Amino acid sequence: MATRHTDEFRRDAVRIAVTSGLTRPQVSSGLGVGLSTLNTWVQKHPLPGRALRSNVPRGSTMLLWRVRTRTLRKRTNPFAKKSA
């Protein structure tokens, strides 16, 4: 069954995808949403101008931290399966 995300979650995901410096695949993986879903959200909900990090609400900062932590864990996990 498809997961419904709140508008706030979508706005935060778009803000992270546009301003974090991470690639969209990293952001989508970190948030647990599909890449095509994230790309659709970015197209439908563009940010008005470039948002500054100081303008990112506290909840978004925590979401960004979670995405970066997951990405870092995937890169440094010695027990992760290696692709052929």
Protein backbone atom coordinates (compact mmCIF):
# COMPACT_ATOMS: atom_id res chain seq x y z
CA MET A 1 0.00 0.00 0.00
CA ALA A 2 1.30 3.45 -0.89
CA THR A 3 2.40 5.74 1.92
CA ARG A 4 0.74 9.15 2.05
CA HIS A 5 3.10 11.94 3.06
CA THR A 6 1.98 15.24 4.55
CA ASP A 7 2.40 18.50 2.66
CA GLU A 8 4.94 19.57 5.28
CA PHE A 9 7.03 16.44 4.62
CA ARG A 10 6.90 17.10 0.88
CA ARG A 11 7.94 20.75 1.28
CA ASP A 12 10.82 19.73 3.56
CA ALA A 13 11.90 17.03 1.10
CA VAL A 14 11.91 19.57 -1.75
CA ARG A 15 13.88 22.06 0.34
CA ILE A 16 16.46 19.40 1.22
CA ALA A 17 16.72 18.20 -2.39
CA VAL A 18 17.31 21.72 -3.68
CA THR A 19 19.50 23.26 -0.96
CA SER A 20 21.42 20.46 0.79
CA GLY A 21 24.12 19.80 -1.79
CA LEU A 22 23.24 16.10 -1.79
CA THR A 23 22.20 14.35 -4.97
CA ARG A 24 18.53 13.57 -5.42
CA PRO A 25 19.15 9.81 -5.28
CA GLN A 26 20.86 10.31 -1.90
CA VAL A 27 17.98 12.43 -0.62
CA SER A 28 15.27 10.08 -1.87
CA SER A 29 17.04 7.07 -0.40
CA GLY A 30 17.56 8.84 2.90
CA LEU A 31 13.92 9.84 3.13
CA GLY A 32 12.62 6.47 2.02
CA VAL A 33 10.79 7.77 -1.05
CA GLY A 34 11.30 6.89 -4.70
CA LEU A 35 13.50 9.06 -6.87
CA SER A 36 10.69 9.69 -9.35
CA THR A 37 8.41 10.70 -6.47
CA LEU A 38 10.96 13.22 -5.18
CA ASN A 39 11.50 14.60 -8.69
CA THR A 40 7.74 15.00 -9.10
CA TRP A 41 7.52 16.90 -5.80
CA VAL A 42 10.36 19.21 -6.84
CA GLN A 43 8.61 19.99 -10.13
CA LYS A 44 5.20 20.55 -8.51
CA HIS A 45 6.43 22.53 -5.51
CA PRO A 46 9.33 24.74 -6.62
CA LEU A 47 10.97 26.89 -3.99
CA PRO A 48 10.43 30.63 -4.38
CA GLY A 49 14.03 31.65 -5.14
CA ARG A 50 16.95 29.99 -3.42
CA ALA A 51 16.14 29.26 0.22
CA LEU A 52 18.98 29.93 2.60
CA ARG A 53 19.93 27.32 5.16
CA SER A 54 19.24 29.83 7.93
CA ASN A 55 15.62 29.91 6.74
CA VAL A 56 15.21 26.14 7.00
CA PRO A 57 12.88 25.29 9.90
CA ARG A 58 14.18 23.14 12.73
CA GLY A 59 12.18 20.10 11.59
CA SER A 60 13.75 20.34 8.15
CA THR A 61 17.20 20.49 9.70
CA MET A 62 16.51 17.26 11.55
CA LEU A 63 15.23 15.67 8.35
CA LEU A 64 18.39 16.78 6.54
CA TRP A 65 20.52 15.32 9.33
CA ARG A 66 18.66 12.01 9.00
CA VAL A 67 19.27 11.90 5.24
CA ARG A 68 22.97 12.64 5.62
CA THR A 69 23.37 10.09 8.40
CA ARG A 70 21.73 7.34 6.35
CA THR A 71 23.88 8.21 3.34
CA LEU A 72 27.05 8.14 5.44
CA ARG A 73 26.10 4.80 7.00
CA LYS A 74 25.61 3.26 3.56
CA ARG A 75 29.03 4.46 2.46
CA THR A 76 30.90 3.30 5.55
CA ASN A 77 29.10 0.07 6.48
CA PRO A 78 31.73 -2.69 6.31
CA PHE A 79 29.04 -5.38 6.45
CA ALA A 80 27.07 -4.08 3.48
CA LYS A 81 26.95 -6.40 0.48
CA LYS A 82 29.32 -5.39 -2.23
CA SER A 83 27.91 -5.14 -5.72
CA ALA A 84 29.51 -7.27 -8.40
